[in-house]
Amino acid sequence: MVVRVGAAGVNPVDATNRADPSWAGIEPPYVVGYEFAGWIEEVGLGVAGFARGDPVWGVCPVRGTRWGTYADYVELEAGWVAPRPAVLEVVEAAAIPLAGSTALQLLDRLALQSGEAVLVHGASGGVGRLFVQLARMRGIRVAASSSQARHALLHDLGVEIVIDREQSDVVAAAVRHLGGPLDAVADCAGHGRLAASLVGLREGGSAGSIVELCGDFEEAIDRNLRLHGVLVRPERETLDRLREAAEHGALRPVVDAVVELDAIVQTHRELDDGRGEGKVVLRMADVDAFV
């Protein structure tokens, strides 16, 4: 099917791919971008349940997507697209599909139960802020590391304890506040934080990462920990679960900036420099004509 893109979420992986997409099996020419919200433009033969003009959102596969969502139109497999939440405007909706799918698939892999505790690194980023909301929806206790400027936001999203990421021992502070060893650690930031956090996990606990792993993981073997690496997969089921969470008020996007194509170069420079904390959405110039 073909979708008319109203807005596209901007993610760090977009900047990575702009610089060098070879890791994802992409060769020039190409268009970056993986998540979007928009409207059905054309429905392919044999595709049921969609009609021209339907409001939708979706995710492209991380590997092999050559023609991404920083575009007016994008051609997609039907299984990568789903009806978007009726309670969200198109720009808000575009902030969720990739980041939310990543967060939900990571949370599923950690297999936490209500009342258990997780430490989240990078909780104020695009994935992390959705992860903490989905975890709270399941009754999971959440500790998070973040820059000082994001503490109020994370408390507002339901995080029980927010720890300054520059603090000398984030893990010890989380364990102390939550009253015992952690059941899981979720790493949305990298820089060796996951490996350094294993010491705070209970025997048989879980650790998951959506970023490149680095550091010493000997602790995982010594204490029978479960390690999970998550590369998001586009799934209709995942998108539908995210829509239900949003429509029930349990999941809300927090958009830090909305830009148009003429500002995307500066946005990517900030991502390249590590200054792109938060969530940016690319708004197509003529989106008002379709709203």
Protein backbone atom coordinates (compact mmCIF):
# COMPACT_ATOMS: atom_id res chain seq x y z
CA MET A 1 0.00 0.00 0.00
CA VAL A 2 0.95 3.66 -0.33
CA VAL A 3 0.63 6.06 2.60
CA ARG A 4 0.53 9.85 2.47
CA VAL A 5 2.92 10.85 5.26
CA GLY A 6 1.68 13.61 7.54
CA ALA A 7 4.56 13.43 10.00
CA ALA A 8 7.59 11.26 10.64
CA GLY A 9 9.32 10.60 13.92
CA VAL A 10 13.00 11.54 14.05
CA ASN A 11 15.28 9.01 15.75
CA PRO A 12 19.03 8.67 16.37
CA VAL A 13 19.16 5.76 13.93
CA ASP A 14 18.10 8.19 11.17
CA ALA A 15 21.27 10.22 11.70
CA THR A 16 23.32 7.02 11.80
CA ASN A 17 21.86 5.92 8.48
CA ARG A 18 22.35 9.33 6.88
CA ALA A 19 26.06 9.05 7.65
CA ASP A 20 26.48 5.36 6.77
CA PRO A 21 23.55 3.00 6.17
CA SER A 22 25.67 -0.02 5.25
CA TRP A 23 25.06 -1.72 8.63
CA ALA A 24 21.36 -1.89 7.70
CA GLY A 25 22.00 -3.30 4.23
CA ILE A 26 21.12 -0.01 2.49
CA GLU A 27 22.96 1.52 -0.44
CA PRO A 28 22.58 4.99 -2.01
CA PRO A 29 20.33 6.48 -3.12
CA TYR A 30 18.00 6.21 -0.15
CA VAL A 31 15.61 8.14 2.09
CA VAL A 32 15.98 7.91 5.87
CA GLY A 33 13.17 7.52 8.42
CA TYR A 34 11.36 4.54 9.92
CA GLU A 35 8.17 5.73 11.67
CA PHE A 36 5.24 7.77 10.42
CA ALA A 37 1.64 8.79 10.80
CA GLY A 38 -0.54 9.67 7.85
CA TRP A 39 -3.39 8.52 5.61
CA ILE A 40 -3.89 5.65 3.19
CA GLU A 41 -3.36 6.83 -0.38
CA GLU A 42 -3.54 3.52 -2.28
CA VAL A 43 -4.49 -0.01 -1.23
CA GLY A 44 -2.84 -2.92 -2.99
CA LEU A 45 -4.61 -5.94 -4.45
CA GLY A 46 -5.56 -8.48 -1.81
CA VAL A 47 -5.21 -6.03 1.10
CA ALA A 48 -8.32 -6.00 3.31
CA GLY A 49 -9.37 -3.70 6.14
CA PHE A 50 -8.03 -0.44 4.71
CA ALA A 51 -9.50 2.23 2.44
CA ARG A 52 -8.19 5.41 0.88
CA GLY A 53 -8.16 8.22 3.43
CA ASP A 54 -7.96 6.01 6.53
CA PRO A 55 -5.76 7.54 9.27
CA VAL A 56 -2.87 5.17 9.98
CA TRP A 57 0.58 4.88 11.51
CA GLY A 58 3.36 2.38 11.08
CA VAL A 59 6.98 1.24 11.13
CA CYS A 60 9.38 0.23 8.38
CA PRO A 61 11.87 -2.61 8.93
CA VAL A 62 15.15 -1.33 10.37
CA ARG A 63 17.20 -3.43 7.97
CA GLY A 64 16.78 -3.02 4.24
CA THR A 65 14.40 -0.03 4.16
CA ARG A 66 15.79 2.05 1.34
CA TRP A 67 12.86 4.45 0.86
CA GLY A 68 12.02 5.73 4.32
CA THR A 69 9.49 8.06 5.88
CA TYR A 70 11.12 11.50 5.41
CA ALA A 71 8.95 11.77 2.32
CA ASP A 72 5.48 12.81 1.19
CA TYR A 73 4.59 9.23 0.30
CA VAL A 74 5.91 5.85 1.37
CA GLU A 75 5.15 2.38 -0.01
CA LEU A 76 4.73 -0.30 2.64
CA GLU A 77 3.71 -3.87 3.32
CA ALA A 78 0.23 -4.01 4.88
CA GLY A 79 1.60 -5.76 7.98
CA TRP A 80 3.69 -2.69 8.85
CA VAL A 81 0.65 -0.39 9.01
CA ALA A 82 -2.24 -0.08 11.48
CA PRO A 83 -5.06 2.32 12.35
CA ARG A 84 -3.66 5.09 14.50
CA PRO A 85 -5.14 6.23 17.84
CA ALA A 86 -8.17 8.43 17.41
CA VAL A 87 -7.12 10.48 20.45
CA LEU A 88 -3.84 11.68 18.88
CA GLU A 89 -3.14 14.31 16.27
CA VAL A 90 -0.97 13.20 13.36
CA VAL A 91 2.21 14.86 14.73
CA GLU A 92 1.71 13.26 18.17
CA ALA A 93 1.03 9.87 16.62
CA ALA A 94 4.25 10.00 14.59
CA ALA A 95 6.28 10.06 17.81
CA ILE A 96 5.24 6.53 18.81
CA PRO A 97 5.44 3.75 16.18
CA LEU A 98 9.19 2.95 16.10
CA ALA A 99 10.04 4.13 19.60
CA GLY A 100 6.92 2.58 21.09
CA SER A 101 7.36 -0.73 19.25
CA THR A 102 10.96 -0.87 20.48
CA ALA A 103 9.87 -0.12 24.05
CA LEU A 104 7.07 -2.66 24.05
CA GLN A 105 9.14 -5.44 22.52
CA LEU A 106 11.92 -4.77 25.05
CA LEU A 107 9.43 -4.85 27.92
CA ASP A 108 7.95 -8.12 26.65
CA ARG A 109 11.40 -9.70 26.50
CA LEU A 110 12.16 -8.72 30.11
CA ALA A 111 8.95 -10.51 31.17
CA LEU A 112 8.45 -8.48 34.35
CA GLN A 113 5.47 -8.99 36.64
CA SER A 114 3.45 -6.45 38.58
CA GLY A 115 5.36 -5.30 41.67
CA GLU A 116 8.79 -6.12 40.24
CA ALA A 117 11.41 -3.40 39.76
CA VAL A 118 13.36 -2.17 36.73
CA LEU A 119 16.11 0.42 36.30
CA VAL A 120 15.88 2.28 32.99
CA HIS A 121 18.90 4.04 31.48
CA GLY A 122 18.07 6.73 28.91
CA ALA A 123 14.54 7.02 30.27
CA SER A 124 14.02 10.55 28.95
CA GLY A 125 14.77 9.63 25.33
CA GLY A 126 12.21 8.75 22.69
CA VAL A 127 12.14 5.04 23.57
CA GLY A 128 12.76 5.37 27.30
CA ARG A 129 9.85 7.70 28.04
CA LEU A 130 7.44 5.28 26.33
CA PHE A 131 9.03 2.28 28.06
CA VAL A 132 8.44 3.72 31.53
CA GLN A 133 4.77 4.41 30.75
CA LEU A 134 4.22 0.88 29.43
CA ALA A 135 5.99 -0.56 32.49
CA ARG A 136 3.84 1.48 34.88
CA MET A 137 0.75 0.27 33.02
CA ARG A 138 1.73 -3.26 34.13
CA GLY A 139 2.29 -2.24 37.73
CA ILE A 140 6.09 -2.44 37.48
CA ARG A 141 8.14 -0.22 39.79
CA VAL A 142 10.46 2.03 37.78
CA ALA A 143 13.72 3.72 38.67
CA ALA A 144 15.37 5.81 35.96
CA SER A 145 18.60 7.63 35.27
CA SER A 146 18.39 10.93 33.43
CA SER A 147 19.81 14.40 33.13
CA GLN A 148 18.67 16.76 35.87
CA ALA A 149 16.57 18.76 33.41
CA ARG A 150 14.33 15.75 32.70
CA HIS A 151 13.54 14.70 36.28
CA ALA A 152 10.17 16.48 36.47
CA LEU A 153 9.05 14.95 33.17
CA LEU A 154 9.89 11.42 34.29
CA HIS A 155 8.16 11.84 37.64
CA ASP A 156 5.11 13.04 35.70
CA LEU A 157 5.25 9.86 33.59
CA GLY A 158 5.13 7.70 36.70
CA VAL A 159 8.78 6.98 37.48
CA GLU A 160 9.16 6.23 41.20
CA ILE A 161 12.76 7.42 41.56
CA VAL A 162 14.75 9.51 39.10
CA ILE A 163 18.51 9.53 39.57
CA ASP A 164 20.93 12.06 38.10
CA ARG A 165 22.89 10.12 35.48
CA GLU A 166 26.06 11.96 36.55
CA GLN A 167 25.74 10.51 40.05
CA SER A 168 28.66 8.25 40.95
CA ASP A 169 26.54 5.16 41.62
CA VAL A 170 23.16 5.15 39.90
CA VAL A 171 22.67 1.43 40.48
CA ALA A 172 23.27 1.62 44.23
CA ALA A 173 20.82 4.51 44.52
CA ALA A 174 18.14 2.54 42.66
CA VAL A 175 18.65 -0.58 44.77
CA ARG A 176 18.60 1.44 47.97
CA HIS A 177 15.38 3.26 47.12
CA LEU A 178 13.55 0.19 45.80
CA GLY A 179 14.51 -1.84 48.85
CA GLY A 180 16.48 -4.68 47.33
CA PRO A 181 18.08 -6.09 44.18
CA LEU A 182 16.54 -5.14 40.85
CA ASP A 183 14.55 -7.59 38.78
CA ALA A 184 15.65 -6.05 35.49
CA VAL A 185 17.67 -3.33 33.80
CA ALA A 186 16.61 -1.74 30.50
CA ASP A 187 19.29 0.15 28.59
CA CYS A 188 18.16 2.77 26.08
CA ALA A 189 21.36 4.81 26.29
CA GLY A 190 24.47 2.64 25.88
CA HIS A 191 27.98 3.77 26.86
CA GLY A 192 28.56 0.68 29.02
CA ARG A 193 25.69 1.40 31.41
CA LEU A 194 24.10 -2.04 31.04
CA ALA A 195 27.25 -3.96 31.95
CA ALA A 196 27.87 -1.65 34.92
CA SER A 197 24.31 -2.26 36.17
CA LEU A 198 24.42 -6.06 36.33
CA VAL A 199 25.76 -5.95 39.87
CA GLY A 200 22.40 -4.56 41.02
CA LEU A 201 20.33 -7.43 39.61
CA ARG A 202 18.99 -10.33 41.62
CA GLU A 203 20.13 -13.88 40.82
CA GLY A 204 18.37 -14.90 37.61
CA GLY A 205 17.33 -11.34 36.77
CA SER A 206 17.05 -9.87 33.28
CA ALA A 207 18.87 -7.18 31.35
CA GLY A 208 17.92 -5.83 27.94
CA SER A 209 19.41 -3.33 25.52
CA ILE A 210 18.31 -1.60 22.34
CA VAL A 211 21.79 -0.20 21.67
CA GLU A 212 25.26 -1.56 21.04
CA LEU A 213 26.64 -3.62 23.92
CA CYS A 214 29.99 -2.81 25.49
CA GLY A 215 31.69 -3.54 28.80
CA ASP A 216 32.29 -6.60 30.95
CA PHE A 217 29.42 -9.09 31.04
CA GLU A 218 31.14 -11.76 33.15
CA GLU A 219 28.67 -10.95 35.92
CA ALA A 220 25.84 -12.28 33.73
CA ILE A 221 27.42 -15.72 33.59
CA ASP A 222 28.41 -15.82 37.25
CA ARG A 223 24.88 -15.02 38.44
CA ASN A 224 22.70 -16.70 35.80
CA LEU A 225 21.34 -13.46 34.39
CA ARG A 226 19.32 -13.32 31.18
CA LEU A 227 20.55 -10.89 28.52
CA HIS A 228 18.32 -9.63 25.71
CA GLY A 229 19.23 -7.59 22.66
CA VAL A 230 16.26 -6.03 20.90
CA LEU A 231 16.18 -4.83 17.30
CA VAL A 232 12.61 -3.75 16.69
CA ARG A 233 10.44 -5.69 14.25
CA PRO A 234 7.46 -4.04 12.52
CA GLU A 235 4.37 -5.89 13.72
CA ARG A 236 0.68 -5.07 13.35
CA GLU A 237 -0.01 -6.66 16.76
CA THR A 238 2.51 -4.36 18.46
CA LEU A 239 1.02 -1.26 16.78
CA ASP A 240 -2.48 -2.31 17.85
CA ARG A 241 -1.38 -2.75 21.47
CA LEU A 242 0.20 0.70 21.42
CA ARG A 243 -2.99 2.18 19.98
CA GLU A 244 -5.05 0.59 22.75
CA ALA A 245 -2.69 1.95 25.42
CA ALA A 246 -2.92 5.45 23.94
CA GLU A 247 -6.69 5.36 23.63
CA HIS A 248 -7.00 4.25 27.26
CA GLY A 249 -4.82 7.17 28.38
CA ALA A 250 -1.95 4.97 29.59
CA LEU A 251 0.50 6.05 26.87
CA ARG A 252 1.10 9.59 25.73
CA PRO A 253 3.78 10.94 23.42
CA VAL A 254 5.92 13.82 24.64
CA VAL A 255 7.10 15.80 21.61
CA ASP A 256 9.95 18.21 22.36
CA ALA A 257 10.14 19.85 18.95
CA VAL A 258 8.30 19.84 15.63
CA VAL A 259 10.38 20.72 12.57
CA GLU A 260 9.90 20.88 8.82
CA LEU A 261 12.32 19.65 6.17
CA ASP A 262 14.21 22.93 6.00
CA ALA A 263 15.30 22.41 9.64
CA ILE A 264 16.14 18.71 9.51
CA VAL A 265 19.86 19.31 8.83
CA GLN A 266 20.25 21.15 12.14
CA THR A 267 18.24 18.44 13.90
CA HIS A 268 20.59 15.77 12.59
CA ARG A 269 23.63 17.82 13.61
CA GLU A 270 22.31 17.80 17.17
CA LEU A 271 21.83 14.03 17.00
CA ASP A 272 25.36 13.62 15.65
CA ASP A 273 26.76 15.73 18.50
CA GLY A 274 24.81 13.86 21.19
CA ARG A 275 22.61 16.89 21.90
CA GLY A 276 19.42 15.35 20.57
CA GLU A 277 17.83 14.27 23.86
CA GLY A 278 14.04 14.04 23.70
CA LYS A 279 11.71 13.52 20.76
CA VAL A 280 11.56 15.48 17.51
CA VAL A 281 8.88 15.02 14.86
CA LEU A 282 9.23 16.01 11.21
CA ARG A 283 6.03 17.65 10.01
CA MET A 284 5.27 17.64 6.31
CA ALA A 285 4.68 21.15 4.97
CA ASP A 286 1.20 20.54 3.54
CA VAL A 287 -0.14 18.31 6.30
CA ASP A 288 -2.94 20.77 7.14
CA ALA A 289 -4.57 20.03 3.82
CA PHE A 290 -5.13 16.43 4.92
CA VAL A 291 -6.11 16.87 8.57
